[in-house]
Amino acid sequence: MAIMLVLIPLAIVLGLAGLAAFLWALHNGQFEDLEDHAARILKPDDDVS
């Protein structure tokens, strides 16, 4: 039962770290243009030698 005193705060800290990482990525524009990167692979390269 003493392990619960470690696991519960650890789970809260890891959850908050994940939330902070998501908010950081959201603030820095990581989710701005999801379509362009997926469609870029389908476009032909004109400058291939």
PDB file of N, CA and C in Angstrom:
ATOM      1  N   MET A   1       0.811  -1.191   0.000  1.00  0.00           N
ATOM      2  CA  MET A   1       0.000   0.000   0.000  1.00  0.00           C
ATOM      3  C   MET A   1       0.860   1.263   0.000  1.00  0.00           C
ATOM      4  N   ALA A   2       2.079   1.162   0.461  1.00  0.00           N
ATOM      5  CA  ALA A   2       2.965   2.323   0.487  1.00  0.00           C
ATOM      6  C   ALA A   2       3.407   2.710  -0.924  1.00  0.00           C
ATOM      7  N   ILE A   3       3.366   1.748  -1.845  1.00  0.00           N
ATOM      8  CA  ILE A   3       3.756   2.052  -3.218  1.00  0.00           C
ATOM      9  C   ILE A   3       2.787   3.033  -3.861  1.00  0.00           C
ATOM     10  N   MET A   4       1.545   3.061  -3.376  1.00  0.00           N
ATOM     11  CA  MET A   4       0.561   4.007  -3.902  1.00  0.00           C
ATOM     12  C   MET A   4       0.963   5.449  -3.612  1.00  0.00           C
ATOM     13  N   LEU A   5       1.699   5.658  -2.528  1.00  0.00           N
ATOM     14  CA  LEU A   5       2.179   6.998  -2.208  1.00  0.00           C
ATOM     15  C   LEU A   5       3.224   7.477  -3.204  1.00  0.00           C
ATOM     16  N   VAL A   6       3.819   6.558  -3.948  1.00  0.00           N
ATOM     17  CA  VAL A   6       4.785   6.900  -4.986  1.00  0.00           C
ATOM     18  C   VAL A   6       4.112   6.944  -6.351  1.00  0.00           C
ATOM     19  N   LEU A   7       3.267   5.970  -6.632  1.00  0.00           N
ATOM     20  CA  LEU A   7       2.695   5.850  -7.967  1.00  0.00           C
ATOM     21  C   LEU A   7       1.688   6.942  -8.304  1.00  0.00           C
ATOM     22  N   ILE A   8       0.881   7.358  -7.361  1.00  0.00           N
ATOM     23  CA  ILE A   8      -0.126   8.384  -7.647  1.00  0.00           C
ATOM     24  C   ILE A   8       0.530   9.735  -7.968  1.00  0.00           C
ATOM     25  N   PRO A   9       1.460  10.230  -7.164  1.00  0.00           N
ATOM     26  CA  PRO A   9       2.133  11.481  -7.555  1.00  0.00           C
ATOM     27  C   PRO A   9       2.949  11.342  -8.840  1.00  0.00           C
ATOM     28  N   LEU A  10       3.533  10.173  -9.070  1.00  0.00           N
ATOM     29  CA  LEU A  10       4.279   9.952 -10.302  1.00  0.00           C
ATOM     30  C   LEU A  10       3.355  10.010 -11.521  1.00  0.00           C
ATOM     31  N   ALA A  11       2.184   9.428 -11.419  1.00  0.00           N
ATOM     32  CA  ALA A  11       1.212   9.479 -12.511  1.00  0.00           C
ATOM     33  C   ALA A  11       0.740  10.911 -12.762  1.00  0.00           C
ATOM     34  N   ILE A  12       0.547  11.670 -11.717  1.00  0.00           N
ATOM     35  CA  ILE A  12       0.133  13.067 -11.871  1.00  0.00           C
ATOM     36  C   ILE A  12       1.233  13.887 -12.530  1.00  0.00           C
ATOM     37  N   VAL A  13       2.469  13.677 -12.104  1.00  0.00           N
ATOM     38  CA  VAL A  13       3.598  14.409 -12.687  1.00  0.00           C
ATOM     39  C   VAL A  13       3.774  14.051 -14.155  1.00  0.00           C
ATOM     40  N   LEU A  14       3.670  12.777 -14.511  1.00  0.00           N
ATOM     41  CA  LEU A  14       3.808  12.375 -15.905  1.00  0.00           C
ATOM     42  C   LEU A  14       2.652  12.904 -16.760  1.00  0.00           C
ATOM     43  N   GLY A  15       1.470  12.930 -16.203  1.00  0.00           N
ATOM     44  CA  GLY A  15       0.330  13.493 -16.919  1.00  0.00           C
ATOM     45  C   GLY A  15       0.495  14.976 -17.172  1.00  0.00           C
ATOM     46  N   LEU A  16       0.971  15.690 -16.182  1.00  0.00           N
ATOM     47  CA  LEU A  16       1.212  17.126 -16.351  1.00  0.00           C
ATOM     48  C   LEU A  16       2.353  17.389 -17.328  1.00  0.00           C
ATOM     49  N   ALA A  17       3.363  16.527 -17.340  1.00  0.00           N
ATOM     50  CA  ALA A  17       4.457  16.675 -18.305  1.00  0.00           C
ATOM     51  C   ALA A  17       3.953  16.454 -19.730  1.00  0.00           C
ATOM     52  N   GLY A  18       3.086  15.478 -19.920  1.00  0.00           N
ATOM     53  CA  GLY A  18       2.502  15.252 -21.240  1.00  0.00           C
ATOM     54  C   GLY A  18       1.631  16.413 -21.679  1.00  0.00           C
ATOM     55  N   LEU A  19       0.856  16.953 -20.777  1.00  0.00           N
ATOM     56  CA  LEU A  19       0.025  18.110 -21.079  1.00  0.00           C
ATOM     57  C   LEU A  19       0.885  19.325 -21.417  1.00  0.00           C
ATOM     58  N   ALA A  20       1.958  19.519 -20.672  1.00  0.00           N
ATOM     59  CA  ALA A  20       2.861  20.640 -20.951  1.00  0.00           C
ATOM     60  C   ALA A  20       3.528  20.476 -22.315  1.00  0.00           C
ATOM     61  N   ALA A  21       3.914  19.258 -22.681  1.00  0.00           N
ATOM     62  CA  ALA A  21       4.524  19.026 -23.993  1.00  0.00           C
ATOM     63  C   ALA A  21       3.518  19.293 -25.104  1.00  0.00           C
ATOM     64  N   PHE A  22       2.271  18.888 -24.922  1.00  0.00           N
ATOM     65  CA  PHE A  22       1.238  19.147 -25.920  1.00  0.00           C
ATOM     66  C   PHE A  22       0.983  20.634 -26.071  1.00  0.00           C
ATOM     67  N   LEU A  23       0.868  21.346 -24.966  1.00  0.00           N
ATOM     68  CA  LEU A  23       0.621  22.784 -25.034  1.00  0.00           C
ATOM     69  C   LEU A  23       1.800  23.520 -25.649  1.00  0.00           C
ATOM     70  N   TRP A  24       3.020  23.077 -25.375  1.00  0.00           N
ATOM     71  CA  TRP A  24       4.210  23.674 -25.987  1.00  0.00           C
ATOM     72  C   TRP A  24       4.174  23.485 -27.501  1.00  0.00           C
ATOM     73  N   ALA A  25       3.852  22.273 -27.952  1.00  0.00           N
ATOM     74  CA  ALA A  25       3.776  21.996 -29.387  1.00  0.00           C
ATOM     75  C   ALA A  25       2.655  22.796 -30.031  1.00  0.00           C
ATOM     76  N   LEU A  26       1.545  22.939 -29.357  1.00  0.00           N
ATOM     77  CA  LEU A  26       0.425  23.714 -29.882  1.00  0.00           C
ATOM     78  C   LEU A  26       0.802  25.186 -30.007  1.00  0.00           C
ATOM     79  N   HIS A  27       1.504  25.697 -29.019  1.00  0.00           N
ATOM     80  CA  HIS A  27       1.913  27.106 -29.023  1.00  0.00           C
ATOM     81  C   HIS A  27       2.962  27.387 -30.091  1.00  0.00           C
ATOM     82  N   ASN A  28       3.825  26.427 -30.401  1.00  0.00           N
ATOM     83  CA  ASN A  28       4.899  26.632 -31.369  1.00  0.00           C
ATOM     84  C   ASN A  28       4.504  26.279 -32.793  1.00  0.00           C
ATOM     85  N   GLY A  29       3.232  26.015 -33.045  1.00  0.00           N
ATOM     86  CA  GLY A  29       2.751  25.822 -34.398  1.00  0.00           C
ATOM     87  C   GLY A  29       3.015  24.457 -34.989  1.00  0.00           C
ATOM     88  N   GLN A  30       3.148  23.442 -34.198  1.00  0.00           N
ATOM     89  CA  GLN A  30       3.406  22.108 -34.709  1.00  0.00           C
ATOM     90  C   GLN A  30       2.194  21.504 -35.410  1.00  0.00           C
ATOM     91  N   PHE A  31       1.012  22.023 -35.163  1.00  0.00           N
ATOM     92  CA  PHE A  31      -0.211  21.465 -35.729  1.00  0.00           C
ATOM     93  C   PHE A  31      -0.861  22.422 -36.727  1.00  0.00           C
ATOM     94  N   GLU A  32      -0.098  23.329 -37.307  1.00  0.00           N
ATOM     95  CA  GLU A  32      -0.663  24.339 -38.189  1.00  0.00           C
ATOM     96  C   GLU A  32      -1.098  23.765 -39.532  1.00  0.00           C
ATOM     97  N   ASP A  33      -0.210  23.087 -40.247  1.00  0.00           N
ATOM     98  CA  ASP A  33      -0.517  22.622 -41.597  1.00  0.00           C
ATOM     99  C   ASP A  33      -0.273  21.122 -41.678  1.00  0.00           C
ATOM    100  N   LEU A  34      -1.305  20.347 -41.400  1.00  0.00           N
ATOM    101  CA  LEU A  34      -1.173  18.897 -41.403  1.00  0.00           C
ATOM    102  C   LEU A  34      -1.326  18.313 -42.800  1.00  0.00           C
ATOM    103  N   GLU A  35      -2.005  19.006 -43.707  1.00  0.00           N
ATOM    104  CA  GLU A  35      -2.284  18.472 -45.032  1.00  0.00           C
ATOM    105  C   GLU A  35      -1.095  18.593 -45.973  1.00  0.00           C
ATOM    106  N   ASP A  36      -0.336  19.665 -45.890  1.00  0.00           N
ATOM    107  CA  ASP A  36       0.742  19.907 -46.845  1.00  0.00           C
ATOM    108  C   ASP A  36       1.836  18.851 -46.753  1.00  0.00           C
ATOM    109  N   HIS A  37       2.222  18.485 -45.563  1.00  0.00           N
ATOM    110  CA  HIS A  37       3.293  17.501 -45.407  1.00  0.00           C
ATOM    111  C   HIS A  37       2.851  16.120 -45.882  1.00  0.00           C
ATOM    112  N   ALA A  38       1.595  15.801 -45.725  1.00  0.00           N
ATOM    113  CA  ALA A  38       1.108  14.497 -46.179  1.00  0.00           C
ATOM    114  C   ALA A  38       0.991  14.459 -47.698  1.00  0.00           C
ATOM    115  N   ALA A  39       0.656  15.567 -48.320  1.00  0.00           N
ATOM    116  CA  ALA A  39       0.481  15.603 -49.774  1.00  0.00           C
ATOM    117  C   ALA A  39       1.792  15.849 -50.504  1.00  0.00           C
ATOM    118  N   ARG A  40       2.804  16.325 -49.824  1.00  0.00           N
ATOM    119  CA  ARG A  40       4.080  16.633 -50.469  1.00  0.00           C
ATOM    120  C   ARG A  40       4.749  15.388 -51.053  1.00  0.00           C
ATOM    121  N   ILE A  41       4.538  14.246 -50.458  1.00  0.00           N
ATOM    122  CA  ILE A  41       5.142  13.015 -50.950  1.00  0.00           C
ATOM    123  C   ILE A  41       4.553  12.611 -52.301  1.00  0.00           C
ATOM    124  N   LEU A  42       3.334  13.074 -52.615  1.00  0.00           N
ATOM    125  CA  LEU A  42       2.676  12.706 -53.854  1.00  0.00           C
ATOM    126  C   LEU A  42       3.050  13.620 -55.018  1.00  0.00           C
ATOM    127  N   LYS A  43       3.613  14.773 -54.734  1.00  0.00           N
ATOM    128  CA  LYS A  43       3.990  15.726 -55.772  1.00  0.00           C
ATOM    129  C   LYS A  43       5.313  15.304 -56.404  1.00  0.00           C
ATOM    130  N   PRO A  44       5.435  15.401 -57.723  1.00  0.00           N
ATOM    131  CA  PRO A  44       6.701  15.034 -58.370  1.00  0.00           C
ATOM    132  C   PRO A  44       7.788  16.083 -58.098  1.00  0.00           C
ATOM    133  N   ASP A  45       9.003  15.615 -57.992  1.00  0.00           N
ATOM    134  CA  ASP A  45      10.140  16.515 -57.841  1.00  0.00           C
ATOM    135  C   ASP A  45      10.623  16.937 -59.213  1.00  0.00           C
ATOM    136  N   ASP A  46      10.681  18.216 -59.478  1.00  0.00           N
ATOM    137  CA  ASP A  46      11.144  18.715 -60.769  1.00  0.00           C
ATOM    138  C   ASP A  46      12.659  18.880 -60.807  1.00  0.00           C
ATOM    139  N   ASP A  47      13.294  18.972 -59.654  1.00  0.00           N
ATOM    140  CA  ASP A  47      14.736  19.232 -59.637  1.00  0.00           C
ATOM    141  C   ASP A  47      15.554  17.971 -59.368  1.00  0.00           C
ATOM    142  N   VAL A  48      15.052  16.814 -59.733  1.00  0.00           N
ATOM    143  CA  VAL A  48      15.811  15.568 -59.578  1.00  0.00           C
ATOM    144  C   VAL A  48      16.746  15.435 -60.771  1.00  0.00           C
ATOM    145  N   SER A  49      18.031  15.185 -60.506  1.00  0.00           N
ATOM    146  CA  SER A  49      18.977  15.105 -61.612  1.00  0.00           C
ATOM    147  C   SER A  49      19.148  13.707 -62.156  1.00  0.00           C
TER     148      SER A  49
END
